[in-house]
Amino acid sequence: MTAIFFGFLFFFLKLIKSEELENNKESIYSVFTVSLMLSIATSGVIGLIFTFLEFTFIPLNLIYSLLIFFLLYKSDHRSEIFDYFGRCKTEFKNISNLYKNSFYLKIIYAFILLMIIVSLGPINSHDAINIYVGYPYKFWLENRLFIDGDLHQGLLGISDFSNLFYFQDHTTWFIRFTKMIPIIPISFLILRRNTSKIITLIILSSPVLIQWFTIGKNNFIGDAFLLIIFLVWEKRKGSTELKYLLTALLISISFKISSLIISFPIFIYLIYVNKNKFSKFNFSNFKFYFLSFPFLIALISLVSIIFYRFYLTDNPVYPLFSTFFNPGDNYLISWEEGIRNWNRDSKFHLLWLFFPESIGKLSFVLGPANLVLFIVSFLGIFGRKQFRTNSIIG
């Protein structure tokens, strides 16, 4: 945890710019989010490199602390920190005034507090122990990368390799806590925008959140980071926000390949919004994004995990497209099909996203309220489109 924290502080000091904060008050959320994403991704890349080179004993928190010392030596970095926390304090006051003496605000704070409490503790999930935390632990313990033939090993994302440093500094009880951190800026961003109270309570009370925050897997963190940065970008569509969004897209995929489900529609939307720029493509117009150090780190993170998967399975996008990359490996192809069809053996499997199929799967669902919310939202969007169509025809 100390390595992740020091890494966050280092990237935070590199990213924070007072003039950007002045132009966009919501950038306090994106700066925080991107800094933490970069810290986890960079720690994961370093963890992967240390494992390959058999250097897992080198203390990453010491390296980060020395870099931070040199940054804080400059007075302007120190003043920017105080400025940022001053803005955070103002943001907190504004939200408190917006919901002054509101029981609703106390409920939100209670949700956040309870989530923090349930996220603290040892890793007790079967999947996390055997795969996402278990493999980094063995790499750290043996100070080497090994291949044991278990196909689960290829499911590791770059963020899972950052777990190695929790063992290094003996803070494994905070692995689960790190995964829930995004819910804090998400909650405050929701409050700032005065989102419907019913919708907010439905989302924050989803049973699946308990599972995400108590098992030590990265089912939530990458997608949540991407959500925060997308919301900040979508409101203003500034160049700095776009740079952060492109960074988040790559990092979220390097965390978890299933993030493609969320990343791909966002990428298409970005092309649509910036279609004029893409129609007259000139690299000089995009070098601000592609040559920025956050984007380059994100690219390194994605390339690193692609290399790791190719090294293990000869498939850079494992466990996808096994028929193409591993055409003669029937076992691997069957494994991919098994993952793709997991929990889909019933024609009602879509309902099990919202209703627990059994008592034991109570914490695996979004909840019935989310189903109602999705249906109402869909009908609302469809209704508005129908209204606009009728208005045009009329």
Protein backbone atom coordinates (compact mmCIF):
# COMPACT_ATOMS: atom_id res chain seq x y z
CA MET A 1 0.00 0.00 0.00
CA THR A 2 2.84 2.41 0.76
CA ALA A 3 4.30 1.88 -2.73
CA ILE A 4 0.91 2.62 -4.33
CA PHE A 5 0.48 5.70 -2.13
CA PHE A 6 3.94 7.07 -2.88
CA GLY A 7 3.41 6.36 -6.57
CA PHE A 8 0.10 8.22 -6.43
CA LEU A 9 1.77 11.20 -4.76
CA PHE A 10 4.54 11.23 -7.36
CA PHE A 11 2.15 11.27 -10.34
CA PHE A 12 -0.13 13.69 -8.55
CA LEU A 13 2.73 16.16 -8.24
CA LYS A 14 3.55 15.70 -11.91
CA LEU A 15 -0.02 16.21 -13.12
CA ILE A 16 -1.42 18.92 -10.92
CA LYS A 17 -1.59 22.32 -12.60
CA SER A 18 -3.27 25.24 -10.87
CA GLU A 19 -4.43 26.87 -14.11
CA GLU A 20 -6.19 23.67 -15.22
CA LEU A 21 -7.93 23.41 -11.88
CA GLU A 22 -9.03 27.02 -12.24
CA ASN A 23 -10.58 26.40 -15.66
CA ASN A 24 -12.38 23.21 -14.67
CA LYS A 25 -13.44 22.71 -11.08
CA GLU A 26 -14.21 19.03 -11.69
CA SER A 27 -10.59 18.39 -12.67
CA ILE A 28 -9.84 17.73 -8.99
CA TYR A 29 -11.60 14.40 -9.61
CA SER A 30 -9.75 13.56 -12.83
CA VAL A 31 -6.31 14.53 -11.45
CA PHE A 32 -6.87 12.32 -8.40
CA THR A 33 -8.17 9.44 -10.52
CA VAL A 34 -5.47 9.53 -13.21
CA SER A 35 -2.73 9.81 -10.57
CA LEU A 36 -3.98 6.67 -8.81
CA MET A 37 -4.44 4.82 -12.11
CA LEU A 38 -0.90 5.67 -13.18
CA SER A 39 0.46 4.61 -9.79
CA ILE A 40 -1.21 1.19 -9.93
CA ALA A 41 -0.34 0.66 -13.61
CA THR A 42 3.30 1.71 -13.16
CA SER A 43 3.66 -0.43 -10.04
CA GLY A 44 2.23 -3.34 -12.03
CA VAL A 45 4.70 -2.83 -14.88
CA ILE A 46 7.59 -2.58 -12.42
CA GLY A 47 6.30 -5.66 -10.61
CA LEU A 48 6.26 -7.57 -13.91
CA ILE A 49 9.79 -6.39 -14.77
CA PHE A 50 11.09 -7.22 -11.29
CA THR A 51 9.56 -10.69 -11.58
CA PHE A 52 11.20 -11.36 -14.94
CA LEU A 53 14.57 -10.04 -13.74
CA GLU A 54 14.27 -11.68 -10.29
CA PHE A 55 14.51 -8.34 -8.48
CA THR A 56 11.33 -8.59 -6.39
CA PHE A 57 13.29 -7.73 -3.23
CA ILE A 58 13.98 -4.14 -4.40
CA PRO A 59 11.76 -1.79 -2.32
CA LEU A 60 9.61 0.22 -4.73
CA ASN A 61 8.36 2.55 -1.96
CA LEU A 62 11.94 3.70 -1.39
CA ILE A 63 12.37 4.55 -5.08
CA TYR A 64 9.11 6.51 -5.13
CA SER A 65 9.94 8.33 -1.87
CA LEU A 66 13.25 9.56 -3.31
CA LEU A 67 11.50 10.85 -6.44
CA ILE A 68 8.90 12.61 -4.30
CA PHE A 69 11.63 14.21 -2.20
CA PHE A 70 13.19 15.79 -5.28
CA LEU A 71 9.80 17.02 -6.50
CA LEU A 72 8.86 18.52 -3.13
CA TYR A 73 12.21 20.29 -3.03
CA LYS A 74 10.65 22.81 -5.40
CA SER A 75 8.42 25.27 -3.59
CA ASP A 76 5.95 25.51 -6.49
CA HIS A 77 5.09 21.81 -6.12
CA ARG A 78 4.41 22.30 -2.43
CA SER A 79 2.21 25.31 -3.10
CA GLU A 80 0.24 23.35 -5.73
CA ILE A 81 -0.48 20.63 -3.18
CA PHE A 82 -1.87 23.16 -0.72
CA ASP A 83 -3.87 24.76 -3.54
CA TYR A 84 -5.34 21.40 -4.54
CA PHE A 85 -6.37 20.45 -1.01
CA GLY A 86 -7.79 23.93 -0.57
CA ARG A 87 -9.99 23.32 -3.60
CA CYS A 88 -10.99 19.91 -2.25
CA LYS A 89 -11.98 21.57 1.03
CA THR A 90 -14.04 24.14 -0.87
CA GLU A 91 -15.67 21.35 -2.91
CA PHE A 92 -16.59 19.49 0.28
CA LYS A 93 -18.11 22.66 1.77
CA ASN A 94 -20.11 23.37 -1.38
CA ILE A 95 -21.54 19.86 -1.41
CA SER A 96 -22.37 20.11 2.29
CA ASN A 97 -24.14 23.43 1.68
CA LEU A 98 -26.01 21.97 -1.28
CA TYR A 99 -27.45 19.27 0.98
CA LYS A 100 -27.46 21.28 4.19
CA ASN A 101 -29.07 19.41 7.11
CA SER A 102 -30.06 16.65 4.67
CA PHE A 103 -30.52 13.11 5.92
CA TYR A 104 -29.74 11.96 2.37
CA LEU A 105 -26.14 13.24 2.65
CA LYS A 106 -25.70 11.34 5.91
CA ILE A 107 -26.88 8.16 4.17
CA ILE A 108 -24.29 8.61 1.41
CA TYR A 109 -21.53 9.17 3.97
CA ALA A 110 -22.74 6.08 5.84
CA PHE A 111 -22.55 4.03 2.63
CA ILE A 112 -18.98 5.19 2.00
CA LEU A 113 -17.95 4.46 5.59
CA LEU A 114 -19.47 0.97 5.50
CA MET A 115 -17.73 0.23 2.19
CA ILE A 116 -14.40 1.27 3.68
CA ILE A 117 -14.98 -0.99 6.69
CA VAL A 118 -15.92 -4.08 4.64
CA SER A 119 -12.97 -3.53 2.28
CA LEU A 120 -10.39 -3.82 5.07
CA GLY A 121 -9.11 -7.28 5.86
CA PRO A 122 -7.30 -10.34 4.51
CA ILE A 123 -7.87 -11.86 1.08
CA ASN A 124 -10.47 -14.59 1.54
CA SER A 125 -11.79 -15.10 -2.00
CA HIS A 126 -10.99 -18.39 -3.74
CA ASP A 127 -10.26 -16.71 -7.09
CA ALA A 128 -8.13 -13.96 -5.57
CA ILE A 129 -6.10 -16.37 -3.42
CA ASN A 130 -5.41 -18.74 -6.29
CA ILE A 131 -4.98 -16.25 -9.13
CA TYR A 132 -5.04 -12.48 -8.78
CA VAL A 133 -3.24 -12.22 -5.46
CA GLY A 134 -1.88 -15.76 -5.24
CA TYR A 135 0.38 -15.62 -8.29
CA PRO A 136 2.01 -12.27 -7.37
CA TYR A 137 2.58 -13.69 -3.88
CA LYS A 138 4.35 -16.74 -5.31
CA PHE A 139 6.38 -14.56 -7.68
CA TRP A 140 7.47 -12.42 -4.73
CA LEU A 141 8.12 -15.45 -2.53
CA GLU A 142 10.22 -17.26 -5.12
CA ASN A 143 11.69 -14.09 -6.69
CA ARG A 144 11.05 -15.36 -10.20
CA LEU A 145 8.45 -15.82 -12.90
CA PHE A 146 7.31 -19.41 -13.35
CA ILE A 147 4.75 -21.07 -15.60
CA ASP A 148 2.83 -23.84 -13.86
CA GLY A 149 0.51 -24.76 -16.74
CA ASP A 150 -2.64 -23.42 -15.07
CA LEU A 151 -4.62 -21.44 -17.66
CA HIS A 152 -5.80 -19.06 -14.94
CA GLN A 153 -2.31 -17.56 -14.81
CA GLY A 154 -2.91 -15.78 -18.11
CA LEU A 155 -5.89 -13.92 -16.61
CA LEU A 156 -3.63 -11.64 -14.59
CA GLY A 157 -3.90 -7.96 -15.49
CA ILE A 158 -1.10 -5.44 -15.07
CA SER A 159 -2.73 -4.12 -11.88
CA ASP A 160 -2.52 -7.59 -10.33
CA PHE A 161 1.27 -7.43 -10.52
CA SER A 162 1.13 -4.34 -8.27
CA ASN A 163 -0.10 -6.70 -5.52
CA LEU A 164 3.49 -7.90 -5.26
CA PHE A 165 4.40 -4.71 -3.41
CA TYR A 166 1.68 -5.20 -0.79
CA PHE A 167 3.59 -8.31 0.25
CA GLN A 168 6.83 -6.39 0.06
CA ASP A 169 5.71 -3.79 2.61
CA HIS A 170 3.36 -6.12 4.59
CA THR A 171 0.13 -4.22 3.87
CA THR A 172 -1.97 -7.00 2.33
CA TRP A 173 -5.03 -5.99 4.36
CA PHE A 174 -5.25 -2.90 2.12
CA ILE A 175 -5.42 -4.76 -1.20
CA ARG A 176 -9.21 -4.85 -1.01
CA PHE A 177 -9.33 -1.26 0.22
CA THR A 178 -7.45 -0.01 -2.85
CA LYS A 179 -10.08 -1.59 -5.10
CA MET A 180 -12.89 0.42 -3.50
CA ILE A 181 -11.21 3.87 -3.49
CA PRO A 182 -12.92 5.01 -6.75
CA ILE A 183 -16.32 4.86 -5.04
CA ILE A 184 -15.32 7.93 -2.99
CA PRO A 185 -14.77 10.36 -5.92
CA ILE A 186 -17.72 8.77 -7.76
CA SER A 187 -20.01 9.50 -4.80
CA PHE A 188 -18.84 13.11 -4.49
CA LEU A 189 -19.13 13.68 -8.25
CA ILE A 190 -22.69 12.36 -8.10
CA LEU A 191 -23.46 14.69 -5.21
CA ARG A 192 -21.83 17.67 -6.94
CA ARG A 193 -24.02 17.18 -10.01
CA ASN A 194 -27.13 16.83 -7.89
CA THR A 195 -28.00 13.49 -9.47
CA SER A 196 -31.39 11.99 -8.69
CA LYS A 197 -31.38 10.71 -5.12
CA ILE A 198 -33.29 7.57 -6.05
CA ILE A 199 -30.80 6.69 -8.80
CA THR A 200 -27.85 7.36 -6.50
CA LEU A 201 -29.22 5.15 -3.74
CA ILE A 202 -30.02 2.37 -6.21
CA ILE A 203 -26.45 2.38 -7.53
CA LEU A 204 -24.72 2.61 -4.14
CA SER A 205 -26.91 -0.11 -2.63
CA SER A 206 -26.29 -2.65 -5.41
CA PRO A 207 -25.46 -5.99 -3.74
CA VAL A 208 -22.59 -6.64 -6.17
CA LEU A 209 -20.60 -3.77 -4.61
CA ILE A 210 -20.11 -5.89 -1.50
CA GLN A 211 -18.52 -8.61 -3.64
CA TRP A 212 -16.31 -6.17 -5.55
CA PHE A 213 -14.97 -4.58 -2.36
CA THR A 214 -14.36 -7.75 -0.36
CA ILE A 215 -12.59 -10.18 -2.70
CA GLY A 216 -9.45 -8.34 -3.85
CA LYS A 217 -10.14 -8.67 -7.59
CA ASN A 218 -10.07 -5.83 -10.11
CA ASN A 219 -13.69 -6.18 -11.21
CA PHE A 220 -14.47 -2.58 -10.28
CA ILE A 221 -11.41 -0.38 -10.11
CA GLY A 222 -10.46 0.05 -13.78
CA ASP A 223 -14.01 0.58 -15.05
CA ALA A 224 -14.79 2.96 -12.18
CA PHE A 225 -11.70 5.05 -12.94
CA LEU A 226 -12.75 5.19 -16.58
CA LEU A 227 -16.27 6.25 -15.59
CA ILE A 228 -15.04 9.19 -13.49
CA ILE A 229 -12.72 10.51 -16.19
CA PHE A 230 -15.33 10.05 -18.92
CA LEU A 231 -17.90 12.03 -16.94
CA VAL A 232 -15.44 14.87 -16.34
CA TRP A 233 -14.40 14.92 -20.02
CA GLU A 234 -17.95 14.64 -21.37
CA LYS A 235 -19.09 17.78 -19.56
CA ARG A 236 -16.33 20.08 -20.84
CA LYS A 237 -14.56 18.13 -23.61
CA GLY A 238 -11.28 19.95 -23.01
CA SER A 239 -7.92 18.82 -24.35
CA THR A 240 -6.49 17.91 -20.93
CA GLU A 241 -9.60 15.88 -20.08
CA LEU A 242 -9.33 14.08 -23.43
CA LYS A 243 -5.68 13.25 -22.73
CA TYR A 244 -6.69 11.73 -19.39
CA LEU A 245 -9.56 9.82 -21.00
CA LEU A 246 -7.31 8.24 -23.64
CA THR A 247 -4.93 7.29 -20.84
CA ALA A 248 -7.74 5.72 -18.82
CA LEU A 249 -9.00 3.74 -21.83
CA LEU A 250 -5.67 1.99 -22.29
CA ILE A 251 -5.02 1.42 -18.60
CA SER A 252 -8.47 -0.03 -17.93
CA ILE A 253 -7.90 -2.61 -20.71
CA SER A 254 -4.47 -3.44 -19.28
CA PHE A 255 -6.16 -4.01 -15.90
CA LYS A 256 -8.88 -6.30 -17.24
CA ILE A 257 -9.43 -7.35 -20.85
CA SER A 258 -13.20 -7.40 -20.36
CA SER A 259 -12.99 -3.60 -20.03
CA LEU A 260 -13.17 -3.64 -23.83
CA ILE A 261 -16.93 -3.94 -23.37
CA ILE A 262 -16.97 -0.43 -21.87
CA SER A 263 -13.92 1.04 -23.62
CA PHE A 264 -15.00 0.27 -27.18
CA PRO A 265 -18.29 2.28 -27.10
CA ILE A 266 -16.46 5.20 -25.47
CA PHE A 267 -13.79 5.04 -28.18
CA ILE A 268 -16.45 5.10 -30.92
CA TYR A 269 -18.09 8.07 -29.20
CA LEU A 270 -14.73 9.87 -29.09
CA ILE A 271 -14.30 9.36 -32.83
CA TYR A 272 -17.81 10.67 -33.42
CA VAL A 273 -17.29 13.79 -31.28
CA ASN A 274 -13.89 14.49 -32.89
CA LYS A 275 -14.83 13.41 -36.42
CA ASN A 276 -13.70 16.73 -37.88
CA LYS A 277 -10.20 16.26 -36.46
CA PHE A 278 -9.99 12.67 -37.66
CA SER A 279 -11.21 13.56 -41.15
CA LYS A 280 -8.16 15.80 -41.54
CA PHE A 281 -5.75 13.66 -39.56
CA ASN A 282 -2.40 15.25 -38.83
CA PHE A 283 -0.15 13.76 -36.19
CA SER A 284 0.96 17.22 -35.05
CA ASN A 285 -2.64 17.86 -33.96
CA PHE A 286 -2.61 14.74 -31.78
CA LYS A 287 0.92 14.71 -30.37
CA PHE A 288 -0.34 16.59 -27.30
CA TYR A 289 -2.24 13.42 -26.42
CA PHE A 290 -0.06 10.63 -27.82
CA LEU A 291 3.28 12.01 -26.61
CA SER A 292 2.10 13.02 -23.14
CA PHE A 293 3.70 11.01 -20.35
CA PRO A 294 0.33 9.73 -18.94
CA PHE A 295 -0.58 8.27 -22.35
CA LEU A 296 2.90 6.79 -22.86
CA ILE A 297 2.74 5.09 -19.45
CA ALA A 298 -0.71 3.75 -20.32
CA LEU A 299 0.65 2.42 -23.62
CA ILE A 300 3.57 0.77 -21.83
CA SER A 301 1.13 -0.83 -19.39
CA LEU A 302 -0.97 -2.27 -22.20
CA VAL A 303 2.04 -3.48 -24.18
CA SER A 304 3.52 -5.07 -21.03
CA ILE A 305 0.48 -7.18 -20.26
CA ILE A 306 0.15 -8.12 -23.95
CA PHE A 307 3.76 -9.28 -23.90
CA TYR A 308 3.14 -11.29 -20.69
CA ARG A 309 0.13 -13.06 -22.19
CA PHE A 310 1.98 -13.79 -25.41
CA TYR A 311 4.90 -15.15 -23.38
CA LEU A 312 2.57 -17.53 -21.54
CA THR A 313 0.17 -18.65 -24.26
CA ASP A 314 1.35 -17.30 -27.67
CA ASN A 315 -1.87 -15.29 -27.58
CA PRO A 316 -1.43 -11.53 -26.90
CA VAL A 317 -5.14 -11.03 -26.16
CA TYR A 318 -5.65 -14.19 -24.11
CA PRO A 319 -8.23 -15.52 -23.37
CA LEU A 320 -9.82 -14.09 -26.55
CA PHE A 321 -9.43 -15.35 -30.15
CA SER A 322 -7.87 -18.68 -29.22
CA THR A 323 -9.10 -20.20 -32.50
CA PHE A 324 -6.95 -17.66 -34.36
CA PHE A 325 -3.81 -17.54 -32.19
CA ASN A 326 -3.93 -21.15 -30.94
CA PRO A 327 -5.78 -23.02 -33.72
CA GLY A 328 -4.41 -26.45 -32.79
CA ASP A 329 -4.90 -26.19 -29.04
CA ASN A 330 -8.34 -27.67 -28.42
CA TYR A 331 -7.94 -27.41 -24.66
CA LEU A 332 -7.30 -23.66 -24.86
CA ILE A 333 -10.19 -23.16 -27.29
CA SER A 334 -12.50 -25.12 -25.01
CA TRP A 335 -11.29 -23.05 -22.04
CA GLU A 336 -12.18 -19.81 -23.85
CA GLU A 337 -15.64 -21.11 -24.69
CA GLY A 338 -16.12 -22.10 -21.06
CA ILE A 339 -15.25 -18.59 -19.88
CA ARG A 340 -17.48 -16.98 -22.51
CA ASN A 341 -20.45 -19.16 -21.52
CA TRP A 342 -19.87 -19.00 -17.77
CA ASN A 343 -23.18 -18.65 -15.92
CA ARG A 344 -25.06 -18.61 -19.24
CA ASP A 345 -26.37 -22.15 -19.24
CA SER A 346 -29.93 -20.93 -18.77
CA LYS A 347 -32.12 -18.99 -21.22
CA PHE A 348 -32.89 -16.66 -18.29
CA HIS A 349 -29.23 -15.87 -17.61
CA LEU A 350 -29.77 -12.13 -18.26
CA LEU A 351 -32.23 -12.04 -15.37
CA TRP A 352 -29.60 -13.47 -13.05
CA LEU A 353 -27.71 -10.17 -13.46
CA PHE A 354 -30.45 -8.57 -11.38
CA PHE A 355 -32.01 -11.43 -9.39
CA PRO A 356 -29.99 -13.92 -7.31
CA GLU A 357 -30.28 -17.39 -8.77
CA SER A 358 -29.66 -18.73 -5.26
CA ILE A 359 -29.00 -17.40 -1.77
CA GLY A 360 -25.28 -18.00 -2.26
CA LYS A 361 -25.27 -15.64 -5.26
CA LEU A 362 -26.99 -12.76 -3.49
CA SER A 363 -23.87 -10.58 -3.67
CA PHE A 364 -23.32 -11.31 -7.39
CA VAL A 365 -26.30 -9.30 -8.67
CA LEU A 366 -27.05 -5.67 -9.46
CA GLY A 367 -30.43 -5.99 -7.77
CA PRO A 368 -34.05 -5.69 -9.00
CA ALA A 369 -34.02 -1.91 -8.52
CA ASN A 370 -31.29 -1.60 -11.17
CA LEU A 371 -33.40 -3.61 -13.61
CA VAL A 372 -36.28 -1.18 -13.11
CA LEU A 373 -33.84 1.73 -13.49
CA PHE A 374 -32.50 0.37 -16.79
CA ILE A 375 -36.00 -0.22 -18.19
CA VAL A 376 -37.23 3.23 -17.17
CA SER A 377 -34.08 4.87 -18.58
CA PHE A 378 -34.48 3.03 -21.88
CA LEU A 379 -38.13 3.99 -22.14
CA GLY A 380 -37.27 7.58 -21.25
CA ILE A 381 -34.59 7.82 -23.96
CA PHE A 382 -36.86 6.12 -26.52
CA GLY A 383 -39.73 8.40 -25.53
CA ARG A 384 -37.66 11.54 -26.04
CA LYS A 385 -36.53 10.34 -29.47
CA GLN A 386 -40.13 9.60 -30.43
CA PHE A 387 -41.16 13.05 -29.22
CA ARG A 388 -38.44 14.76 -31.29
CA THR A 389 -39.37 12.64 -34.37
CA ASN A 390 -43.04 13.50 -34.06
CA SER A 391 -42.18 17.18 -33.60
CA ILE A 392 -40.07 17.18 -36.77
CA ILE A 393 -42.71 15.31 -38.80
CA GLY A 394 -45.46 17.55 -37.46
